Amino acid sequence: MKRILILCLPLTLLAGCLEVDQHPNWVHGMYAGKKDDRPFLRHFHNDKLSWWGTISNRNMNQNEYNRANP
């Protein structure tokens, strides 16, 4: 039993050493990655009104009160 514990000791000590940094890189106080496009820019060709109408229709269709009482 003592031999098994001695063999497992290095594995338990190395378990925390393999952790990698999960945080994004910051340069001069700002995020260094590329900026994400807004949904209306990508999918609706910069037509914010069309995007807003689509979101409103989706929300109305997901509303249980509107679906149960047509």
PDB file of N, CA and C in Angstrom:
ATOM      1  N   MET A   1       0.832  -1.195   0.000  1.00  0.00           N
ATOM      2  CA  MET A   1       0.000   0.000   0.000  1.00  0.00           C
ATOM      3  C   MET A   1       0.870   1.251   0.000  1.00  0.00           C
ATOM      4  N   LYS A   2       1.936   1.204   0.751  1.00  0.00           N
ATOM      5  CA  LYS A   2       2.849   2.338   0.823  1.00  0.00           C
ATOM      6  C   LYS A   2       3.512   2.576  -0.529  1.00  0.00           C
ATOM      7  N   ARG A   3       3.796   1.510  -1.227  1.00  0.00           N
ATOM      8  CA  ARG A   3       4.436   1.609  -2.546  1.00  0.00           C
ATOM      9  C   ARG A   3       3.503   2.271  -3.562  1.00  0.00           C
ATOM     10  N   ILE A   4       2.225   1.942  -3.507  1.00  0.00           N
ATOM     11  CA  ILE A   4       1.242   2.543  -4.418  1.00  0.00           C
ATOM     12  C   ILE A   4       1.119   4.034  -4.137  1.00  0.00           C
ATOM     13  N   LEU A   5       1.097   4.403  -2.874  1.00  0.00           N
ATOM     14  CA  LEU A   5       1.006   5.821  -2.528  1.00  0.00           C
ATOM     15  C   LEU A   5       2.240   6.585  -2.995  1.00  0.00           C
ATOM     16  N   ILE A   6       3.391   5.981  -2.866  1.00  0.00           N
ATOM     17  CA  ILE A   6       4.623   6.639  -3.309  1.00  0.00           C
ATOM     18  C   ILE A   6       4.638   6.795  -4.832  1.00  0.00           C
ATOM     19  N   LEU A   7       4.106   5.806  -5.561  1.00  0.00           N
ATOM     20  CA  LEU A   7       4.048   5.894  -7.021  1.00  0.00           C
ATOM     21  C   LEU A   7       3.012   6.927  -7.491  1.00  0.00           C
ATOM     22  N   CYS A   8       1.946   7.109  -6.730  1.00  0.00           N
ATOM     23  CA  CYS A   8       0.898   8.071  -7.108  1.00  0.00           C
ATOM     24  C   CYS A   8       1.230   9.499  -6.708  1.00  0.00           C
ATOM     25  N   LEU A   9       2.169   9.695  -5.814  1.00  0.00           N
ATOM     26  CA  LEU A   9       2.518  11.025  -5.333  1.00  0.00           C
ATOM     27  C   LEU A   9       2.975  11.961  -6.457  1.00  0.00           C
ATOM     28  N   PRO A  10       3.879  11.551  -7.372  1.00  0.00           N
ATOM     29  CA  PRO A  10       4.268  12.477  -8.442  1.00  0.00           C
ATOM     30  C   PRO A  10       3.118  12.830  -9.378  1.00  0.00           C
ATOM     31  N   LEU A  11       2.207  11.915  -9.598  1.00  0.00           N
ATOM     32  CA  LEU A  11       1.059  12.209 -10.455  1.00  0.00           C
ATOM     33  C   LEU A  11       0.146  13.253  -9.835  1.00  0.00           C
ATOM     34  N   THR A  12      -0.046  13.163  -8.540  1.00  0.00           N
ATOM     35  CA  THR A  12      -0.896  14.150  -7.889  1.00  0.00           C
ATOM     36  C   THR A  12      -0.223  15.520  -7.823  1.00  0.00           C
ATOM     37  N   LEU A  13       1.090  15.537  -7.700  1.00  0.00           N
ATOM     38  CA  LEU A  13       1.794  16.820  -7.673  1.00  0.00           C
ATOM     39  C   LEU A  13       1.809  17.480  -9.042  1.00  0.00           C
ATOM     40  N   LEU A  14       1.862  16.696 -10.116  1.00  0.00           N
ATOM     41  CA  LEU A  14       1.883  17.247 -11.469  1.00  0.00           C
ATOM     42  C   LEU A  14       0.493  17.594 -11.998  1.00  0.00           C
ATOM     43  N   ALA A  15      -0.532  17.179 -11.314  1.00  0.00           N
ATOM     44  CA  ALA A  15      -1.892  17.417 -11.803  1.00  0.00           C
ATOM     45  C   ALA A  15      -2.190  18.913 -11.942  1.00  0.00           C
ATOM     46  N   GLY A  16      -1.721  19.730 -11.032  1.00  0.00           N
ATOM     47  CA  GLY A  16      -1.965  21.163 -11.108  1.00  0.00           C
ATOM     48  C   GLY A  16      -0.996  21.900 -12.007  1.00  0.00           C
ATOM     49  N   CYS A  17       0.099  21.284 -12.382  1.00  0.00           N
ATOM     50  CA  CYS A  17       1.103  21.958 -13.204  1.00  0.00           C
ATOM     51  C   CYS A  17       0.709  22.035 -14.673  1.00  0.00           C
ATOM     52  N   LEU A  18      -0.254  21.256 -15.090  1.00  0.00           N
ATOM     53  CA  LEU A  18      -0.647  21.236 -16.496  1.00  0.00           C
ATOM     54  C   LEU A  18      -1.742  22.243 -16.819  1.00  0.00           C
ATOM     55  N   GLU A  19      -2.074  23.078 -15.861  1.00  0.00           N
ATOM     56  CA  GLU A  19      -3.107  24.088 -16.076  1.00  0.00           C
ATOM     57  C   GLU A  19      -2.579  25.179 -17.014  1.00  0.00           C
ATOM     58  N   VAL A  20      -3.371  25.535 -18.014  1.00  0.00           N
ATOM     59  CA  VAL A  20      -2.983  26.583 -18.951  1.00  0.00           C
ATOM     60  C   VAL A  20      -3.791  27.843 -18.654  1.00  0.00           C
ATOM     61  N   ASP A  21      -3.274  28.982 -19.042  1.00  0.00           N
ATOM     62  CA  ASP A  21      -3.936  30.252 -18.797  1.00  0.00           C
ATOM     63  C   ASP A  21      -5.167  30.376 -19.690  1.00  0.00           C
ATOM     64  N   GLN A  22      -6.317  30.678 -19.112  1.00  0.00           N
ATOM     65  CA  GLN A  22      -7.576  30.741 -19.837  1.00  0.00           C
ATOM     66  C   GLN A  22      -8.004  32.180 -20.162  1.00  0.00           C
ATOM     67  N   HIS A  23      -7.234  33.156 -19.771  1.00  0.00           N
ATOM     68  CA  HIS A  23      -7.651  34.548 -19.928  1.00  0.00           C
ATOM     69  C   HIS A  23      -7.164  35.111 -21.259  1.00  0.00           C
ATOM     70  N   PRO A  24      -7.924  36.028 -21.874  1.00  0.00           N
ATOM     71  CA  PRO A  24      -7.488  36.621 -23.138  1.00  0.00           C
ATOM     72  C   PRO A  24      -6.302  37.557 -22.934  1.00  0.00           C
ATOM     73  N   ASN A  25      -5.596  37.803 -23.985  1.00  0.00           N
ATOM     74  CA  ASN A  25      -4.451  38.713 -23.926  1.00  0.00           C
ATOM     75  C   ASN A  25      -4.940  40.156 -23.910  1.00  0.00           C
ATOM     76  N   TRP A  26      -4.314  40.957 -23.085  1.00  0.00           N
ATOM     77  CA  TRP A  26      -4.656  42.374 -22.995  1.00  0.00           C
ATOM     78  C   TRP A  26      -3.422  43.191 -23.341  1.00  0.00           C
ATOM     79  N   VAL A  27      -3.588  44.162 -24.235  1.00  0.00           N
ATOM     80  CA  VAL A  27      -2.494  45.036 -24.623  1.00  0.00           C
ATOM     81  C   VAL A  27      -2.954  46.475 -24.401  1.00  0.00           C
ATOM     82  N   HIS A  28      -2.236  47.221 -23.634  1.00  0.00           N
ATOM     83  CA  HIS A  28      -2.538  48.632 -23.328  1.00  0.00           C
ATOM     84  C   HIS A  28      -3.945  48.775 -22.759  1.00  0.00           C
ATOM     85  N   GLY A  29      -4.370  47.835 -21.921  1.00  0.00           N
ATOM     86  CA  GLY A  29      -5.669  47.924 -21.266  1.00  0.00           C
ATOM     87  C   GLY A  29      -6.845  47.530 -22.125  1.00  0.00           C
ATOM     88  N   MET A  30      -6.594  47.023 -23.331  1.00  0.00           N
ATOM     89  CA  MET A  30      -7.688  46.629 -24.206  1.00  0.00           C
ATOM     90  C   MET A  30      -7.487  45.195 -24.662  1.00  0.00           C
ATOM     91  N   TYR A  31      -8.569  44.533 -25.042  1.00  0.00           N
ATOM     92  CA  TYR A  31      -8.525  43.158 -25.525  1.00  0.00           C
ATOM     93  C   TYR A  31      -7.799  43.124 -26.862  1.00  0.00           C
ATOM     94  N   ALA A  32      -6.878  42.164 -27.020  1.00  0.00           N
ATOM     95  CA  ALA A  32      -6.031  42.128 -28.208  1.00  0.00           C
ATOM     96  C   ALA A  32      -6.591  41.254 -29.328  1.00  0.00           C
ATOM     97  N   GLY A  33      -7.769  40.664 -29.163  1.00  0.00           N
ATOM     98  CA  GLY A  33      -8.351  39.816 -30.206  1.00  0.00           C
ATOM     99  C   GLY A  33      -9.162  40.629 -31.202  1.00  0.00           C
ATOM    100  N   LYS A  34      -9.732  39.939 -32.174  1.00  0.00           N
ATOM    101  CA  LYS A  34     -10.554  40.649 -33.160  1.00  0.00           C
ATOM    102  C   LYS A  34     -11.929  40.931 -32.582  1.00  0.00           C
ATOM    103  N   LYS A  35     -12.532  42.013 -33.000  1.00  0.00           N
ATOM    104  CA  LYS A  35     -13.856  42.374 -32.521  1.00  0.00           C
ATOM    105  C   LYS A  35     -14.894  41.539 -33.248  1.00  0.00           C
ATOM    106  N   ASP A  36     -15.930  41.143 -32.515  1.00  0.00           N
ATOM    107  CA  ASP A  36     -17.007  40.364 -33.102  1.00  0.00           C
ATOM    108  C   ASP A  36     -17.952  41.294 -33.848  1.00  0.00           C
ATOM    109  N   ASP A  37     -18.486  40.793 -34.960  1.00  0.00           N
ATOM    110  CA  ASP A  37     -19.488  41.551 -35.704  1.00  0.00           C
ATOM    111  C   ASP A  37     -20.804  41.527 -34.946  1.00  0.00           C
ATOM    112  N   ARG A  38     -21.577  42.583 -35.086  1.00  0.00           N
ATOM    113  CA  ARG A  38     -22.906  42.609 -34.509  1.00  0.00           C
ATOM    114  C   ARG A  38     -23.794  41.690 -35.344  1.00  0.00           C
ATOM    115  N   PRO A  39     -24.830  41.080 -34.751  1.00  0.00           N
ATOM    116  CA  PRO A  39     -25.654  40.146 -35.521  1.00  0.00           C
ATOM    117  C   PRO A  39     -26.336  40.794 -36.722  1.00  0.00           C
ATOM    118  N   PHE A  40     -26.781  42.040 -36.578  1.00  0.00           N
ATOM    119  CA  PHE A  40     -27.459  42.669 -37.708  1.00  0.00           C
ATOM    120  C   PHE A  40     -26.485  43.042 -38.817  1.00  0.00           C
ATOM    121  N   LEU A  41     -25.209  43.191 -38.500  1.00  0.00           N
ATOM    122  CA  LEU A  41     -24.224  43.463 -39.546  1.00  0.00           C
ATOM    123  C   LEU A  41     -23.947  42.217 -40.376  1.00  0.00           C
ATOM    124  N   ARG A  42     -23.869  41.076 -39.727  1.00  0.00           N
ATOM    125  CA  ARG A  42     -23.489  39.852 -40.411  1.00  0.00           C
ATOM    126  C   ARG A  42     -24.653  39.221 -41.162  1.00  0.00           C
ATOM    127  N   HIS A  43     -25.783  39.047 -40.492  1.00  0.00           N
ATOM    128  CA  HIS A  43     -26.875  38.262 -41.065  1.00  0.00           C
ATOM    129  C   HIS A  43     -27.907  39.100 -41.817  1.00  0.00           C
ATOM    130  N   PHE A  44     -27.990  40.395 -41.526  1.00  0.00           N
ATOM    131  CA  PHE A  44     -29.039  41.222 -42.126  1.00  0.00           C
ATOM    132  C   PHE A  44     -28.465  42.385 -42.935  1.00  0.00           C
ATOM    133  N   HIS A  45     -27.200  42.324 -43.283  1.00  0.00           N
ATOM    134  CA  HIS A  45     -26.532  43.325 -44.147  1.00  0.00           C
ATOM    135  C   HIS A  45     -26.735  44.740 -43.627  1.00  0.00           C
ATOM    136  N   ASN A  46     -26.501  44.928 -42.334  1.00  0.00           N
ATOM    137  CA  ASN A  46     -26.557  46.224 -41.652  1.00  0.00           C
ATOM    138  C   ASN A  46     -27.967  46.820 -41.614  1.00  0.00           C
ATOM    139  N   ASP A  47     -28.996  45.987 -41.734  1.00  0.00           N
ATOM    140  CA  ASP A  47     -30.377  46.444 -41.633  1.00  0.00           C
ATOM    141  C   ASP A  47     -30.872  46.158 -40.219  1.00  0.00           C
ATOM    142  N   LYS A  48     -30.732  47.135 -39.346  1.00  0.00           N
ATOM    143  CA  LYS A  48     -31.059  46.939 -37.939  1.00  0.00           C
ATOM    144  C   LYS A  48     -32.565  46.770 -37.737  1.00  0.00           C
ATOM    145  N   LEU A  49     -33.383  47.421 -38.552  1.00  0.00           N
ATOM    146  CA  LEU A  49     -34.832  47.317 -38.415  1.00  0.00           C
ATOM    147  C   LEU A  49     -35.308  45.892 -38.736  1.00  0.00           C
ATOM    148  N   SER A  50     -34.753  45.297 -39.766  1.00  0.00           N
ATOM    149  CA  SER A  50     -35.103  43.920 -40.120  1.00  0.00           C
ATOM    150  C   SER A  50     -34.672  42.958 -39.017  1.00  0.00           C
ATOM    151  N   TRP A  51     -33.495  43.178 -38.484  1.00  0.00           N
ATOM    152  CA  TRP A  51     -33.009  42.340 -37.394  1.00  0.00           C
ATOM    153  C   TRP A  51     -33.917  42.462 -36.182  1.00  0.00           C
ATOM    154  N   TRP A  52     -34.299  43.697 -35.838  1.00  0.00           N
ATOM    155  CA  TRP A  52     -35.144  43.918 -34.670  1.00  0.00           C
ATOM    156  C   TRP A  52     -36.516  43.271 -34.869  1.00  0.00           C
ATOM    157  N   GLY A  53     -37.066  43.331 -36.085  1.00  0.00           N
ATOM    158  CA  GLY A  53     -38.343  42.676 -36.373  1.00  0.00           C
ATOM    159  C   GLY A  53     -38.249  41.166 -36.227  1.00  0.00           C
ATOM    160  N   THR A  54     -37.161  40.588 -36.686  1.00  0.00           N
ATOM    161  CA  THR A  54     -36.971  39.143 -36.556  1.00  0.00           C
ATOM    162  C   THR A  54     -36.878  38.726 -35.096  1.00  0.00           C
ATOM    163  N   ILE A  55     -36.153  39.488 -34.304  1.00  0.00           N
ATOM    164  CA  ILE A  55     -36.030  39.183 -32.873  1.00  0.00           C
ATOM    165  C   ILE A  55     -37.381  39.324 -32.177  1.00  0.00           C
ATOM    166  N   SER A  56     -38.142  40.349 -32.527  1.00  0.00           N
ATOM    167  CA  SER A  56     -39.461  40.548 -31.911  1.00  0.00           C
ATOM    168  C   SER A  56     -40.408  39.412 -32.266  1.00  0.00           C
ATOM    169  N   ASN A  57     -40.405  38.991 -33.534  1.00  0.00           N
ATOM    170  CA  ASN A  57     -41.261  37.873 -33.937  1.00  0.00           C
ATOM    171  C   ASN A  57     -40.865  36.592 -33.219  1.00  0.00           C
ATOM    172  N   ARG A  58     -39.578  36.352 -33.070  1.00  0.00           N
ATOM    173  CA  ARG A  58     -39.133  35.157 -32.366  1.00  0.00           C
ATOM    174  C   ARG A  58     -39.574  35.187 -30.910  1.00  0.00           C
ATOM    175  N   ASN A  59     -39.462  36.352 -30.271  1.00  0.00           N
ATOM    176  CA  ASN A  59     -39.876  36.466 -28.878  1.00  0.00           C
ATOM    177  C   ASN A  59     -41.386  36.291 -28.724  1.00  0.00           C
ATOM    178  N   MET A  60     -42.163  36.807 -29.669  1.00  0.00           N
ATOM    179  CA  MET A  60     -43.609  36.644 -29.605  1.00  0.00           C
ATOM    180  C   MET A  60     -44.002  35.183 -29.795  1.00  0.00           C
ATOM    181  N   ASN A  61     -43.300  34.450 -30.651  1.00  0.00           N
ATOM    182  CA  ASN A  61     -43.605  33.035 -30.873  1.00  0.00           C
ATOM    183  C   ASN A  61     -43.171  32.173 -29.694  1.00  0.00           C
ATOM    184  N   GLN A  62     -42.245  32.653 -28.886  1.00  0.00           N
ATOM    185  CA  GLN A  62     -41.808  31.897 -27.722  1.00  0.00           C
ATOM    186  C   GLN A  62     -42.615  32.239 -26.471  1.00  0.00           C
ATOM    187  N   ASN A  63     -43.509  33.206 -26.564  1.00  0.00           N
ATOM    188  CA  ASN A  63     -44.321  33.616 -25.431  1.00  0.00           C
ATOM    189  C   ASN A  63     -45.479  32.639 -25.273  1.00  0.00           C
ATOM    190  N   GLU A  64     -45.552  31.939 -24.148  1.00  0.00           N
ATOM    191  CA  GLU A  64     -46.576  30.921 -23.941  1.00  0.00           C
ATOM    192  C   GLU A  64     -47.979  31.518 -23.858  1.00  0.00           C
ATOM    193  N   TYR A  65     -48.123  32.736 -23.370  1.00  0.00           N
ATOM    194  CA  TYR A  65     -49.441  33.352 -23.301  1.00  0.00           C
ATOM    195  C   TYR A  65     -49.978  33.619 -24.697  1.00  0.00           C
ATOM    196  N   ASN A  66     -49.146  34.072 -25.609  1.00  0.00           N
ATOM    197  CA  ASN A  66     -49.592  34.322 -26.977  1.00  0.00           C
ATOM    198  C   ASN A  66     -49.861  33.025 -27.729  1.00  0.00           C
ATOM    199  N   ARG A  67     -49.096  32.001 -27.458  1.00  0.00           N
ATOM    200  CA  ARG A  67     -49.286  30.726 -28.163  1.00  0.00           C
ATOM    201  C   ARG A  67     -50.522  29.996 -27.672  1.00  0.00           C
ATOM    202  N   ALA A  68     -50.833  30.097 -26.377  1.00  0.00           N
ATOM    203  CA  ALA A  68     -51.976  29.362 -25.821  1.00  0.00           C
ATOM    204  C   ALA A  68     -53.299  30.058 -26.072  1.00  0.00           C
ATOM    205  N   ASN A  69     -53.274  31.390 -26.211  1.00  0.00           N
ATOM    206  CA  ASN A  69     -54.510  32.157 -26.423  1.00  0.00           C
ATOM    207  C   ASN A  69     -54.411  32.930 -27.728  1.00  0.00           C
ATOM    208  N   PRO A  70     -54.680  32.264 -28.850  1.00  0.00           N
ATOM    209  CA  PRO A  70     -54.526  32.983 -30.141  1.00  0.00           C
ATOM    210  C   PRO A  70     -55.600  34.013 -30.375  1.00  0.00           C
TER     211      PRO A  70
END
